[in-house]
PDB file of all heavy atoms in Angstrom:
ATOM      1  N   MET A   1      95.722  19.761  93.869  1.00  0.00           N
ATOM      2  CA  MET A   1      95.777  18.374  93.081  1.00  0.00           C
ATOM      3  C   MET A   1      94.526  18.261  92.270  1.00  0.00           C
ATOM      4  O   MET A   1      94.746  17.849  91.146  1.00  0.00           O
ATOM      5  CB  MET A   1      95.917  17.348  94.161  1.00  0.00           C
ATOM      6  CG  MET A   1      97.137  17.292  95.001  1.00  0.00           C
ATOM      7  SD  MET A   1      96.992  15.928  96.297  1.00  0.00           S
ATOM      8  CE  MET A   1      97.275  14.518  95.256  1.00  0.00           C
ATOM      9  N   ALA A   2      93.483  18.577  92.700  1.00  0.00           N
ATOM     10  CA  ALA A   2      92.287  18.528  91.837  1.00  0.00           C
ATOM     11  C   ALA A   2      92.438  19.331  90.532  1.00  0.00           C
ATOM     12  O   ALA A   2      91.844  18.925  89.481  1.00  0.00           O
ATOM     13  CB  ALA A   2      91.012  18.849  92.632  1.00  0.00           C
ATOM     14  N   ASP A   3      93.049  20.428  90.647  1.00  0.00           N
ATOM     15  CA  ASP A   3      93.217  21.295  89.481  1.00  0.00           C
ATOM     16  C   ASP A   3      94.455  20.843  88.555  1.00  0.00           C
ATOM     17  O   ASP A   3      94.746  21.586  87.676  1.00  0.00           O
ATOM     18  CB  ASP A   3      93.449  22.819  90.032  1.00  0.00           C
ATOM     19  CG  ASP A   3      92.225  23.455  90.654  1.00  0.00           C
ATOM     20  OD1 ASP A   3      91.139  22.924  90.342  1.00  0.00           O
ATOM     21  OD2 ASP A   3      92.265  24.430  91.350  1.00  0.00           O
ATOM     22  N   GLY A   4      95.148  19.853  89.095  1.00  0.00           N
ATOM     23  CA  GLY A   4      96.210  19.430  88.360  1.00  0.00           C
ATOM     24  C   GLY A   4      97.386  20.228  88.422  1.00  0.00           C
ATOM     25  O   GLY A   4      98.341  20.362  87.417  1.00  0.00           O
ATOM     26  N   ASN A   5      97.697  20.972  89.547  1.00  0.00           N
ATOM     27  CA  ASN A   5      98.899  21.791  89.658  1.00  0.00           C
ATOM     28  C   ASN A   5     100.047  21.013  89.429  1.00  0.00           C
ATOM     29  O   ASN A   5     100.441  20.212  90.346  1.00  0.00           O
ATOM     30  CB  ASN A   5      98.817  22.484  90.996  1.00  0.00           C
ATOM     31  CG  ASN A   5      99.862  23.397  91.277  1.00  0.00           C
ATOM     32  OD1 ASN A   5     101.082  23.070  91.535  1.00  0.00           O
ATOM     33  ND2 ASN A   5      99.518  24.701  91.282  1.00  0.00           N
ATOM     34  N   THR A   6     100.748  21.269  88.481  1.00  0.00           N
ATOM     35  CA  THR A   6     101.989  20.608  88.017  1.00  0.00           C
ATOM     36  C   THR A   6     103.137  20.657  89.088  1.00  0.00           C
ATOM     37  O   THR A   6     103.765  19.647  89.392  1.00  0.00           O
ATOM     38  CB  THR A   6     102.625  21.069  86.703  1.00  0.00           C
ATOM     39  OG1 THR A   6     101.548  20.873  85.692  1.00  0.00           O
ATOM     40  CG2 THR A   6     103.841  20.205  86.206  1.00  0.00           C
ATOM     41  N   GLU A   7     103.425  21.798  89.570  1.00  0.00           N
ATOM     42  CA  GLU A   7     104.406  21.997  90.678  1.00  0.00           C
ATOM     43  C   GLU A   7     104.110  21.100  91.868  1.00  0.00           C
ATOM     44  O   GLU A   7     105.070  20.461  92.335  1.00  0.00           O
ATOM     45  CB  GLU A   7     104.556  23.403  91.033  1.00  0.00           C
ATOM     46  CG  GLU A   7     105.708  23.777  91.995  1.00  0.00           C
ATOM     47  CD  GLU A   7     105.467  23.552  93.358  1.00  0.00           C
ATOM     48  OE1 GLU A   7     104.282  23.667  93.812  1.00  0.00           O
ATOM     49  OE2 GLU A   7     106.438  23.203  94.115  1.00  0.00           O
ATOM     50  N   ALA A   8     103.006  21.143  92.371  1.00  0.00           N
ATOM     51  CA  ALA A   8     102.591  20.389  93.472  1.00  0.00           C
ATOM     52  C   ALA A   8     102.742  18.903  93.210  1.00  0.00           C
ATOM     53  O   ALA A   8     103.244  18.123  94.054  1.00  0.00           O
ATOM     54  CB  ALA A   8     101.155  20.642  94.011  1.00  0.00           C
ATOM     55  N   LEU A   9     102.200  18.444  92.122  1.00  0.00           N
ATOM     56  CA  LEU A   9     102.167  16.937  91.873  1.00  0.00           C
ATOM     57  C   LEU A   9     103.533  16.442  91.456  1.00  0.00           C
ATOM     58  O   LEU A   9     103.961  15.430  91.871  1.00  0.00           O
ATOM     59  CB  LEU A   9     101.333  16.804  90.614  1.00  0.00           C
ATOM     60  CG  LEU A   9      99.867  16.849  90.829  1.00  0.00           C
ATOM     61  CD1 LEU A   9      99.005  16.835  89.486  1.00  0.00           C
ATOM     62  CD2 LEU A   9      99.240  15.856  91.829  1.00  0.00           C
ATOM     63  N   GLU A  10     104.383  17.327  90.887  1.00  0.00           N
ATOM     64  CA  GLU A  10     105.889  16.879  90.577  1.00  0.00           C
ATOM     65  C   GLU A  10     106.599  16.739  91.842  1.00  0.00           C
ATOM     66  O   GLU A  10     107.405  15.888  91.962  1.00  0.00           O
ATOM     67  CB  GLU A  10     106.383  17.769  89.623  1.00  0.00           C
ATOM     68  CG  GLU A  10     106.051  17.583  88.159  1.00  0.00           C
ATOM     69  CD  GLU A  10     106.657  18.573  87.153  1.00  0.00           C
ATOM     70  OE1 GLU A  10     107.343  19.542  87.590  1.00  0.00           O
ATOM     71  OE2 GLU A  10     106.635  18.273  85.979  1.00  0.00           O
ATOM     72  N   SER A  11     106.403  17.780  92.753  1.00  0.00           N
ATOM     73  CA  SER A  11     106.956  17.736  93.987  1.00  0.00           C
ATOM     74  C   SER A  11     106.727  16.436  94.856  1.00  0.00           C
ATOM     75  O   SER A  11     107.504  15.736  95.352  1.00  0.00           O
ATOM     76  CB  SER A  11     106.665  19.018  94.951  1.00  0.00           C
ATOM     77  OG  SER A  11     107.296  18.821  96.132  1.00  0.00           O
ATOM     78  N   MET A  12     105.337  16.050  94.906  1.00  0.00           N
ATOM     79  CA  MET A  12     105.058  14.850  95.466  1.00  0.00           C
ATOM     80  C   MET A  12     105.652  13.525  94.915  1.00  0.00           C
ATOM     81  O   MET A  12     105.968  12.633  95.527  1.00  0.00           O
ATOM     82  CB  MET A  12     103.440  14.841  95.644  1.00  0.00           C
ATOM     83  CG  MET A  12     102.806  15.819  96.576  1.00  0.00           C
ATOM     84  SD  MET A  12     100.997  15.635  96.443  1.00  0.00           S
ATOM     85  CE  MET A  12     100.547  17.453  96.440  1.00  0.00           C
ATOM     86  N   ALA A  13     105.584  13.676  93.512  1.00  0.00           N
ATOM     87  CA  ALA A  13     106.118  12.507  92.781  1.00  0.00           C
ATOM     88  C   ALA A  13     107.524  12.223  93.032  1.00  0.00           C
ATOM     89  O   ALA A  13     107.959  11.169  93.469  1.00  0.00           O
ATOM     90  CB  ALA A  13     105.903  12.725  91.222  1.00  0.00           C
ATOM     91  N   ALA A  14     108.298  13.370  93.018  1.00  0.00           N
ATOM     92  CA  ALA A  14     109.845  13.182  93.392  1.00  0.00           C
ATOM     93  C   ALA A  14     109.990  12.684  94.796  1.00  0.00           C
ATOM     94  O   ALA A  14     110.885  11.967  95.094  1.00  0.00           O
ATOM     95  CB  ALA A  14     110.472  14.606  93.198  1.00  0.00           C
ATOM     96  N   ALA A  15     109.181  13.215  95.716  1.00  0.00           N
ATOM     97  CA  ALA A  15     109.403  12.907  97.130  1.00  0.00           C
ATOM     98  C   ALA A  15     108.941  11.400  97.356  1.00  0.00           C
ATOM     99  O   ALA A  15     109.550  10.721  98.291  1.00  0.00           O
ATOM    100  CB  ALA A  15     108.455  13.732  98.076  1.00  0.00           C
ATOM    101  N   SER A  16     108.204  10.905  96.439  1.00  0.00           N
ATOM    102  CA  SER A  16     107.853   9.406  96.633  1.00  0.00           C
ATOM    103  C   SER A  16     108.629   8.526  95.804  1.00  0.00           C
ATOM    104  O   SER A  16     108.532   7.243  95.750  1.00  0.00           O
ATOM    105  CB  SER A  16     106.380   9.244  96.150  1.00  0.00           C
ATOM    106  OG  SER A  16     106.016   9.557  94.843  1.00  0.00           O
ATOM    107  N   GLY A  17     109.693   9.069  95.029  1.00  0.00           N
ATOM    108  CA  GLY A  17     110.694   8.254  94.379  1.00  0.00           C
ATOM    109  C   GLY A  17     110.273   7.885  93.005  1.00  0.00           C
ATOM    110  O   GLY A  17     110.858   6.971  92.418  1.00  0.00           O
ATOM    111  N   THR A  18     109.388   8.639  92.359  1.00  0.00           N
ATOM    112  CA  THR A  18     108.930   8.333  91.000  1.00  0.00           C
ATOM    113  C   THR A  18     108.717   9.702  90.224  1.00  0.00           C
ATOM    114  O   THR A  18     109.192  10.777  90.593  1.00  0.00           O
ATOM    115  CB  THR A  18     107.587   7.612  90.935  1.00  0.00           C
ATOM    116  OG1 THR A  18     107.364   7.115  89.618  1.00  0.00           O
ATOM    117  CG2 THR A  18     106.469   8.397  91.555  1.00  0.00           C
ATOM    118  N   ASP A  19     108.305   9.608  88.907  1.00  0.00           N
ATOM    119  CA  ASP A  19     108.094  10.780  88.143  1.00  0.00           C
ATOM    120  C   ASP A  19     106.669  11.101  88.248  1.00  0.00           C
ATOM    121  O   ASP A  19     105.793  10.272  88.806  1.00  0.00           O
ATOM    122  CB  ASP A  19     108.609  10.642  86.728  1.00  0.00           C
ATOM    123  CG  ASP A  19     108.057   9.459  85.993  1.00  0.00           C
ATOM    124  OD1 ASP A  19     107.044   8.871  86.413  1.00  0.00           O
ATOM    125  OD2 ASP A  19     108.625   9.065  85.048  1.00  0.00           O
ATOM    126  N   LEU A  20     106.346  12.141  87.452  1.00  0.00           N
ATOM    127  CA  LEU A  20     104.825  12.552  87.401  1.00  0.00           C
ATOM    128  C   LEU A  20     103.946  11.499  86.922  1.00  0.00           C
ATOM    129  O   LEU A  20     102.769  11.309  87.483  1.00  0.00           O
ATOM    130  CB  LEU A  20     104.749  13.890  86.720  1.00  0.00           C
ATOM    131  CG  LEU A  20     103.237  14.466  86.673  1.00  0.00           C
ATOM    132  CD1 LEU A  20     102.853  14.791  87.919  1.00  0.00           C
ATOM    133  CD2 LEU A  20     103.344  15.837  85.696  1.00  0.00           C
ATOM    134  N   ALA A  21     104.344  10.830  85.876  1.00  0.00           N
ATOM    135  CA  ALA A  21     103.583   9.721  85.226  1.00  0.00           C
ATOM    136  C   ALA A  21     103.355   8.712  86.228  1.00  0.00           C
ATOM    137  O   ALA A  21     102.199   8.038  86.332  1.00  0.00           O
ATOM    138  CB  ALA A  21     104.170   9.220  83.913  1.00  0.00           C
ATOM    139  N   GLY A  22     104.403   8.236  86.908  1.00  0.00           N
ATOM    140  CA  GLY A  22     104.306   7.176  87.916  1.00  0.00           C
ATOM    141  C   GLY A  22     103.442   7.502  89.060  1.00  0.00           C
ATOM    142  O   GLY A  22     102.712   6.646  89.515  1.00  0.00           O
ATOM    143  N   TYR A  23     103.479   8.675  89.438  1.00  0.00           N
ATOM    144  CA  TYR A  23     102.643   9.195  90.659  1.00  0.00           C
ATOM    145  C   TYR A  23     101.175   9.181  90.116  1.00  0.00           C
ATOM    146  O   TYR A  23     100.297   8.876  90.925  1.00  0.00           O
ATOM    147  CB  TYR A  23     103.223  10.472  91.157  1.00  0.00           C
ATOM    148  CG  TYR A  23     102.403  10.942  92.360  1.00  0.00           C
ATOM    149  CD1 TYR A  23     102.405  10.210  93.594  1.00  0.00           C
ATOM    150  CD2 TYR A  23     101.717  12.138  92.527  1.00  0.00           C
ATOM    151  CE1 TYR A  23     101.846  10.564  94.757  1.00  0.00           C
ATOM    152  CE2 TYR A  23     101.052  12.669  93.511  1.00  0.00           C
ATOM    153  CZ  TYR A  23     101.117  11.837  94.634  1.00  0.00           C
ATOM    154  OH  TYR A  23     100.334  12.201  95.761  1.00  0.00           O
ATOM    155  N   GLN A  24     101.122   9.665  89.053  1.00  0.00           N
ATOM    156  CA  GLN A  24      99.617   9.755  88.490  1.00  0.00           C
ATOM    157  C   GLN A  24      99.043   8.320  88.337  1.00  0.00           C
ATOM    158  O   GLN A  24      97.778   8.189  88.581  1.00  0.00           O
ATOM    159  CB  GLN A  24      99.641  10.465  87.024  1.00  0.00           C
ATOM    160  CG  GLN A  24      98.172  10.656  86.582  1.00  0.00           C
ATOM    161  CD  GLN A  24      97.352  11.489  87.427  1.00  0.00           C
ATOM    162  OE1 GLN A  24      97.663  12.628  87.886  1.00  0.00           O
ATOM    163  NE2 GLN A  24      96.267  10.989  87.897  1.00  0.00           N
ATOM    164  N   ALA A  25      99.862   7.393  88.058  1.00  0.00           N
ATOM    165  CA  ALA A  25      99.441   5.944  87.926  1.00  0.00           C
ATOM    166  C   ALA A  25      99.007   5.490  89.246  1.00  0.00           C
ATOM    167  O   ALA A  25      97.989   4.704  89.395  1.00  0.00           O
ATOM    168  CB  ALA A  25     100.429   5.086  87.181  1.00  0.00           C
ATOM    169  N   GLN A  26      99.664   5.833  90.311  1.00  0.00           N
ATOM    170  CA  GLN A  26      99.345   5.465  91.632  1.00  0.00           C
ATOM    171  C   GLN A  26      98.023   6.239  92.113  1.00  0.00           C
ATOM    172  O   GLN A  26      97.086   5.551  92.749  1.00  0.00           O
ATOM    173  CB  GLN A  26     100.477   5.866  92.695  1.00  0.00           C
ATOM    174  CG  GLN A  26     101.667   4.984  92.362  1.00  0.00           C
ATOM    175  CD  GLN A  26     102.973   5.510  93.175  1.00  0.00           C
ATOM    176  OE1 GLN A  26     102.745   6.068  94.170  1.00  0.00           O
ATOM    177  NE2 GLN A  26     104.200   5.350  92.682  1.00  0.00           N
ATOM    178  N   LEU A  27      97.886   7.513  91.690  1.00  0.00           N
ATOM    179  CA  LEU A  27      96.633   8.232  92.067  1.00  0.00           C
ATOM    180  C   LEU A  27      95.384   7.524  91.391  1.00  0.00           C
ATOM    181  O   LEU A  27      94.257   7.620  91.778  1.00  0.00           O
ATOM    182  CB  LEU A  27      96.763   9.631  91.680  1.00  0.00           C
ATOM    183  CG  LEU A  27      97.593  10.479  92.554  1.00  0.00           C
ATOM    184  CD1 LEU A  27      97.874  11.924  91.796  1.00  0.00           C
ATOM    185  CD2 LEU A  27      96.980  10.703  93.873  1.00  0.00           C
ATOM    186  N   ASP A  28      95.798   6.958  90.183  1.00  0.00           N
ATOM    187  CA  ASP A  28      94.568   6.387  89.305  1.00  0.00           C
ATOM    188  C   ASP A  28      93.936   5.268  90.041  1.00  0.00           C
ATOM    189  O   ASP A  28      92.784   4.787  89.831  1.00  0.00           O
ATOM    190  CB  ASP A  28      94.974   5.966  87.953  1.00  0.00           C
ATOM    191  CG  ASP A  28      95.385   7.276  87.049  1.00  0.00           C
ATOM    192  OD1 ASP A  28      94.994   8.148  87.432  1.00  0.00           O
ATOM    193  OD2 ASP A  28      96.063   6.980  86.000  1.00  0.00           O
ATOM    194  N   THR A  29      94.722   4.591  90.990  1.00  0.00           N
ATOM    195  CA  THR A  29      94.141   3.413  91.819  1.00  0.00           C
ATOM    196  C   THR A  29      93.974   3.790  93.209  1.00  0.00           C
ATOM    197  O   THR A  29      93.987   2.896  94.081  1.00  0.00           O
ATOM    198  CB  THR A  29      95.144   2.236  91.711  1.00  0.00           C
ATOM    199  OG1 THR A  29      96.460   2.531  91.931  1.00  0.00           O
ATOM    200  CG2 THR A  29      95.039   1.649  90.244  1.00  0.00           C
ATOM    201  N   THR A  30      93.737   5.044  93.425  1.00  0.00           N
ATOM    202  CA  THR A  30      93.456   5.590  94.788  1.00  0.00           C
ATOM    203  C   THR A  30      92.263   6.443  94.541  1.00  0.00           C
ATOM    204  O   THR A  30      92.157   7.353  93.738  1.00  0.00           O
ATOM    205  CB  THR A  30      94.625   6.405  95.307  1.00  0.00           C
ATOM    206  OG1 THR A  30      95.875   5.718  95.248  1.00  0.00           O
ATOM    207  CG2 THR A  30      94.390   6.872  96.647  1.00  0.00           C
ATOM    208  N   LYS A  31      91.231   6.396  95.488  1.00  0.00           N
ATOM    209  CA  LYS A  31      90.146   7.177  95.362  1.00  0.00           C
ATOM    210  C   LYS A  31      90.424   8.345  96.411  1.00  0.00           C
ATOM    211  O   LYS A  31      90.157   8.196  97.677  1.00  0.00           O
ATOM    212  CB  LYS A  31      88.829   6.413  95.818  1.00  0.00           C
ATOM    213  CG  LYS A  31      87.693   7.325  96.085  1.00  0.00           C
ATOM    214  CD  LYS A  31      87.307   8.179  94.786  1.00  0.00           C
ATOM    215  CE  LYS A  31      86.036   9.075  95.043  1.00  0.00           C
ATOM    216  NZ  LYS A  31      85.724   9.868  93.963  1.00  0.00           N
ATOM    217  N   MET A  32      90.900   9.508  95.803  1.00  0.00           N
ATOM    218  CA  MET A  32      91.240  10.550  96.724  1.00  0.00           C
ATOM    219  C   MET A  32      89.903  11.476  96.920  1.00  0.00           C
ATOM    220  O   MET A  32      89.168  11.657  95.951  1.00  0.00           O
ATOM    221  CB  MET A  32      92.307  11.404  96.077  1.00  0.00           C
ATOM    222  CG  MET A  32      93.659  10.845  95.919  1.00  0.00           C
ATOM    223  SD  MET A  32      94.466  10.526  97.452  1.00  0.00           S
ATOM    224  CE  MET A  32      94.669  12.204  98.049  1.00  0.00           C
ATOM    225  N   PHE A  33      89.733  11.926  98.184  1.00  0.00           N
ATOM    226  CA  PHE A  33      88.546  12.839  98.348  1.00  0.00           C
ATOM    227  C   PHE A  33      89.148  14.205  98.325  1.00  0.00           C
ATOM    228  O   PHE A  33      89.466  14.867  99.375  1.00  0.00           O
ATOM    229  CB  PHE A  33      88.082  12.498  99.772  1.00  0.00           C
ATOM    230  CG  PHE A  33      87.393  11.132  99.981  1.00  0.00           C
ATOM    231  CD1 PHE A  33      87.890  10.199 100.938  1.00  0.00           C
ATOM    232  CD2 PHE A  33      86.316  10.702  99.063  1.00  0.00           C
ATOM    233  CE1 PHE A  33      87.178   9.016 100.893  1.00  0.00           C
ATOM    234  CE2 PHE A  33      85.785   9.498  99.176  1.00  0.00           C
ATOM    235  CZ  PHE A  33      86.229   8.573 100.090  1.00  0.00           C
ATOM    236  N   TYR A  34      89.157  14.716  97.119  1.00  0.00           N
ATOM    237  CA  TYR A  34      89.702  16.144  96.956  1.00  0.00           C
ATOM    238  C   TYR A  34      88.637  17.142  97.576  1.00  0.00           C
ATOM    239  O   TYR A  34      89.050  18.205  98.050  1.00  0.00           O
ATOM    240  CB  TYR A  34      89.910  16.380  95.488  1.00  0.00           C
ATOM    241  CG  TYR A  34      90.864  15.584  94.900  1.00  0.00           C
ATOM    242  CD1 TYR A  34      90.728  14.667  93.825  1.00  0.00           C
ATOM    243  CD2 TYR A  34      92.209  15.597  95.247  1.00  0.00           C
ATOM    244  CE1 TYR A  34      91.725  13.916  93.196  1.00  0.00           C
ATOM    245  CE2 TYR A  34      93.286  14.918  94.673  1.00  0.00           C
ATOM    246  CZ  TYR A  34      93.041  14.013  93.660  1.00  0.00           C
ATOM    247  OH  TYR A  34      93.999  13.206  93.033  1.00  0.00           O
ATOM    248  N   ASP A  35      87.490  16.856  97.385  1.00  0.00           N
ATOM    249  CA  ASP A  35      86.414  17.626  97.986  1.00  0.00           C
ATOM    250  C   ASP A  35      86.002  17.230  99.362  1.00  0.00           C
ATOM    251  O   ASP A  35      85.627  16.077  99.601  1.00  0.00           O
ATOM    252  CB  ASP A  35      85.137  17.558  96.973  1.00  0.00           C
ATOM    253  CG  ASP A  35      83.920  18.453  97.356  1.00  0.00           C
ATOM    254  OD1 ASP A  35      84.026  19.021  98.362  1.00  0.00           O
ATOM    255  OD2 ASP A  35      83.095  18.702  96.516  1.00  0.00           O
ATOM    256  N   PRO A  36      85.967  18.115 100.303  1.00  0.00           N
ATOM    257  CA  PRO A  36      85.698  17.746 101.578  1.00  0.00           C
ATOM    258  C   PRO A  36      84.174  17.213 101.777  1.00  0.00           C
ATOM    259  O   PRO A  36      83.975  16.241 102.695  1.00  0.00           O
ATOM    260  CB  PRO A  36      85.863  19.033 102.504  1.00  0.00           C
ATOM    261  CG  PRO A  36      85.924  20.167 101.537  1.00  0.00           C
ATOM    262  CD  PRO A  36      86.421  19.594 100.235  1.00  0.00           C
ATOM    263  N   ALA A  37      83.311  17.602 101.030  1.00  0.00           N
ATOM    264  CA  ALA A  37      81.911  17.233 101.047  1.00  0.00           C
ATOM    265  C   ALA A  37      81.866  15.801 100.683  1.00  0.00           C
ATOM    266  O   ALA A  37      81.077  15.029 101.291  1.00  0.00           O
ATOM    267  CB  ALA A  37      81.014  18.015 100.098  1.00  0.00           C
ATOM    268  N   GLU A  38      82.740  15.397  99.823  1.00  0.00           N
ATOM    269  CA  GLU A  38      82.705  13.961  99.440  1.00  0.00           C
ATOM    270  C   GLU A  38      83.298  13.052 100.603  1.00  0.00           C
ATOM    271  O   GLU A  38      82.743  11.976 100.781  1.00  0.00           O
ATOM    272  CB  GLU A  38      83.633  13.783  98.061  1.00  0.00           C
ATOM    273  CG  GLU A  38      83.527  12.350  97.412  1.00  0.00           C
ATOM    274  CD  GLU A  38      84.166  12.368  96.158  1.00  0.00           C
ATOM    275  OE1 GLU A  38      85.035  13.212  95.894  1.00  0.00           O
ATOM    276  OE2 GLU A  38      84.056  11.337  95.512  1.00  0.00           O
TER     277      GLU A  38
END
């Protein structure tokens, strides 16, 4: 996800009932801890 892997993100978007842009908009208001140190 941190690398912007399109296949992974599109799969998650579809499973959540939206498209890639819609899922990205949701991620924009979510503070994801992609790095375990964070």
